[in-house]
C-alpha atoms as a PDB file:
ATOM      1  CA  MET A   1       0.000   0.000   0.000  1.00  0.00           C
ATOM      2  CA  PRO A   2       1.405   3.437  -0.858  1.00  0.00           C
ATOM      3  CA  SER A   3       2.047   5.838   1.997  1.00  0.00           C
ATOM      4  CA  GLU A   4      -0.474   8.534   2.860  1.00  0.00           C
ATOM      5  CA  PHE A   5       2.013  11.074   1.459  1.00  0.00           C
ATOM      6  CA  ILE A   6       2.060   9.377  -1.966  1.00  0.00           C
ATOM      7  CA  VAL A   7      -1.728   8.917  -2.030  1.00  0.00           C
ATOM      8  CA  LYS A   8      -2.381  12.590  -1.217  1.00  0.00           C
ATOM      9  CA  LYS A   9       0.323  14.106  -3.417  1.00  0.00           C
ATOM     10  CA  LEU A  10      -0.638  12.026  -6.480  1.00  0.00           C
ATOM     11  CA  GLY A  11      -4.380  12.164  -5.803  1.00  0.00           C
ATOM     12  CA  LEU A  12      -4.699   8.379  -5.811  1.00  0.00           C
ATOM     13  CA  GLN A  13      -7.772   6.299  -5.137  1.00  0.00           C
ATOM     14  CA  GLN A  14      -7.930   2.555  -4.633  1.00  0.00           C
ATOM     15  CA  GLY A  15      -9.990   0.988  -7.435  1.00  0.00           C
ATOM     16  CA  GLN A  16      -9.706  -2.544  -6.131  1.00  0.00           C
ATOM     17  CA  GLU A  17      -7.660  -3.919  -3.275  1.00  0.00           C
ATOM     18  CA  GLY A  18      -3.977  -3.177  -3.836  1.00  0.00           C
ATOM     19  CA  TYR A  19      -4.440  -1.198  -7.097  1.00  0.00           C
ATOM     20  CA  TRP A  20      -4.252   2.618  -6.997  1.00  0.00           C
ATOM     21  CA  PHE A  21      -5.406   4.953  -9.782  1.00  0.00           C
ATOM     22  CA  ASP A  22      -5.105   8.687 -10.483  1.00  0.00           C
ATOM     23  CA  ASN A  23      -8.044  11.021 -11.202  1.00  0.00           C
ATOM     24  CA  ASP A  24      -7.956  10.043 -14.907  1.00  0.00           C
ATOM     25  CA  GLY A  25      -8.337   6.352 -14.046  1.00  0.00           C
ATOM     26  CA  LYS A  26      -4.720   5.530 -14.953  1.00  0.00           C
ATOM     27  CA  LEU A  27      -3.102   2.764 -12.881  1.00  0.00           C
ATOM     28  CA  ILE A  28      -0.277   4.439 -10.944  1.00  0.00           C
ATOM     29  CA  CYS A  29       0.821   1.784  -8.458  1.00  0.00           C
ATOM     30  CA  PHE A  30      -0.006  -1.679  -7.168  1.00  0.00           C
ATOM     31  CA  ASN A  31       1.134  -4.351  -4.738  1.00  0.00           C
ATOM     32  CA  LEU A  32       3.309  -6.877  -6.602  1.00  0.00           C
ATOM     33  CA  ALA A  33       2.092  -9.692  -4.317  1.00  0.00           C
ATOM     34  CA  LEU A  34      -1.300  -9.478  -6.056  1.00  0.00           C
ATOM     35  CA  GLU A  35       0.443 -10.511  -9.289  1.00  0.00           C
ATOM     36  CA  GLY A  36       2.223 -13.482  -7.677  1.00  0.00           C
ATOM     37  CA  TYR A  37       5.537 -11.794  -6.824  1.00  0.00           C
ATOM     38  CA  ASN A  38       7.111 -10.929  -3.466  1.00  0.00           C
ATOM     39  CA  THR A  39       5.431  -8.065  -1.641  1.00  0.00           C
ATOM     40  CA  GLY A  40       6.433  -4.653  -2.936  1.00  0.00           C
ATOM     41  CA  LEU A  41       4.952  -1.497  -4.387  1.00  0.00           C
ATOM     42  CA  LEU A  42       5.396  -0.891  -8.104  1.00  0.00           C
ATOM     43  CA  LEU A  43       5.004   2.820  -8.883  1.00  0.00           C
ATOM     44  CA  GLU A  44       4.677   4.253 -12.405  1.00  0.00           C
ATOM     45  CA  LYS A  45       7.937   6.016 -13.361  1.00  0.00           C
ATOM     46  CA  GLU A  46       6.533   9.352 -14.599  1.00  0.00           C
ATOM     47  CA  ALA A  47       4.292   9.687 -11.527  1.00  0.00           C
ATOM     48  CA  LEU A  48       7.289   9.025  -9.261  1.00  0.00           C
ATOM     49  CA  ALA A  49       9.438  11.549 -11.162  1.00  0.00           C
ATOM     50  CA  LYS A  50       6.710  14.203 -10.823  1.00  0.00           C
ATOM     51  CA  LEU A  51       6.255  13.453  -7.119  1.00  0.00           C
ATOM     52  CA  LEU A  52       9.994  13.841  -6.504  1.00  0.00           C
ATOM     53  CA  SER A  53      10.332  17.001  -8.607  1.00  0.00           C
ATOM     54  CA  ASP A  54       7.235  18.756  -7.222  1.00  0.00           C
ATOM     55  CA  ASN A  55       8.349  18.123  -3.637  1.00  0.00           C
ATOM     56  CA  GLN A  56      12.100  18.701  -4.094  1.00  0.00           C
ATOM     57  CA  LEU A  57      12.881  15.100  -3.160  1.00  0.00           C
ATOM     58  CA  ALA A  58      15.375  12.565  -4.478  1.00  0.00           C
ATOM     59  CA  LEU A  59      15.697   8.793  -4.462  1.00  0.00           C
ATOM     60  CA  ILE A  60      18.425   7.490  -2.158  1.00  0.00           C
ATOM     61  CA  TRP A  61      19.822   3.943  -2.116  1.00  0.00           C
ATOM     62  CA  ASP A  62      21.790   2.515   0.781  1.00  0.00           C
ATOM     63  CA  ILE A  63      23.871  -0.210  -0.874  1.00  0.00           C
ATOM     64  CA  TYR A  64      25.342  -2.879   1.382  1.00  0.00           C
ATOM     65  CA  ILE A  65      27.789  -5.487   0.084  1.00  0.00           C
ATOM     66  CA  GLU A  66      29.448  -8.271   2.014  1.00  0.00           C
ATOM     67  CA  LYS A  67      31.613 -11.255   1.230  1.00  0.00           C
ATOM     68  CA  VAL A  68      33.411 -13.925   3.195  1.00  0.00           C
ATOM     69  CA  ALA A  69      36.965 -14.685   2.105  1.00  0.00           C
ATOM     70  CA  ASN A  70      39.895 -16.279   3.918  1.00  0.00           C
ATOM     71  CA  LYS A  71      37.795 -16.733   7.071  1.00  0.00           C
ATOM     72  CA  GLU A  72      37.062 -13.013   7.234  1.00  0.00           C
ATOM     73  CA  LEU A  73      33.866 -11.055   6.705  1.00  0.00           C
ATOM     74  CA  HIS A  74      34.304  -8.016   4.450  1.00  0.00           C
ATOM     75  CA  GLU A  75      31.640  -5.287   4.267  1.00  0.00           C
ATOM     76  CA  TRP A  76      31.190  -2.177   2.143  1.00  0.00           C
ATOM     77  CA  ARG A  77      28.436   0.421   2.267  1.00  0.00           C
ATOM     78  CA  THR A  78      27.654   3.070  -0.340  1.00  0.00           C
ATOM     79  CA  VAL A  79      24.906   5.684  -0.468  1.00  0.00           C
ATOM     80  CA  ALA A  80      23.768   6.752  -3.946  1.00  0.00           C
ATOM     81  CA  GLU A  81      21.265   9.405  -5.039  1.00  0.00           C
ATOM     82  CA  GLU A  82      19.179   9.771  -8.212  1.00  0.00           C
ATOM     83  CA  LYS A  83      18.211  13.280  -9.200  1.00  0.00           C
ATOM     84  CA  ASP A  84      17.146  14.505 -12.628  1.00  0.00           C
ATOM     85  CA  GLY A  85      17.950  11.116 -14.144  1.00  0.00           C
ATOM     86  CA  ILE A  86      21.535  11.042 -12.891  1.00  0.00           C
ATOM     87  CA  ILE A  87      22.744   8.569 -10.266  1.00  0.00           C
ATOM     88  CA  GLU A  88      25.754   9.592  -8.224  1.00  0.00           C
ATOM     89  CA  VAL A  89      27.509   8.284  -5.141  1.00  0.00           C
ATOM     90  CA  VAL A  90      26.842  10.532  -2.149  1.00  0.00           C
ATOM     91  CA  ASN A  91      28.994   8.693   0.376  1.00  0.00           C
ATOM     92  CA  LYS A  92      31.260   5.668   0.142  1.00  0.00           C
ATOM     93  CA  TYR A  93      32.310   4.053   3.386  1.00  0.00           C
ATOM     94  CA  GLY A  94      35.584   2.168   3.665  1.00  0.00           C
ATOM     95  CA  GLU A  95      35.855  -1.590   3.930  1.00  0.00           C
ATOM     96  CA  ASP A  96      35.311  -3.157   7.322  1.00  0.00           C
ATOM     97  CA  THR A  97      36.817  -6.575   8.018  1.00  0.00           C
ATOM     98  CA  TRP A  98      36.191  -9.001  10.878  1.00  0.00           C
ATOM     99  CA  LYS A  99      37.813 -12.339  11.658  1.00  0.00           C
ATOM    100  CA  LEU A 100      35.227 -15.123  11.697  1.00  0.00           C
ATOM    101  CA  ASN A 101      35.211 -17.787  14.407  1.00  0.00           C
ATOM    102  CA  ASN A 102      35.858 -21.070  12.658  1.00  0.00           C
END
């Protein structure tokens, strides 16, 4: 289910359970679980772009990577932002390494 913020800002109404439409009757978002996939909200790209632009917001990803090698756990974390169609790294944290018990 979309947040109250998304529903209000995009003027969405639920047509049937889990499917949300704009004032023109265009499907804007729906729960993927209703189509047989894992739970998640699929939001129409142009509607999302307008929502972000109109409210001076940006998409942010917190990317976490880990691997185990030579009995050590290695972790990396990166934060990336998408704005105006461009994705750039906002912050890149250094590698952390821990010895594993084994």
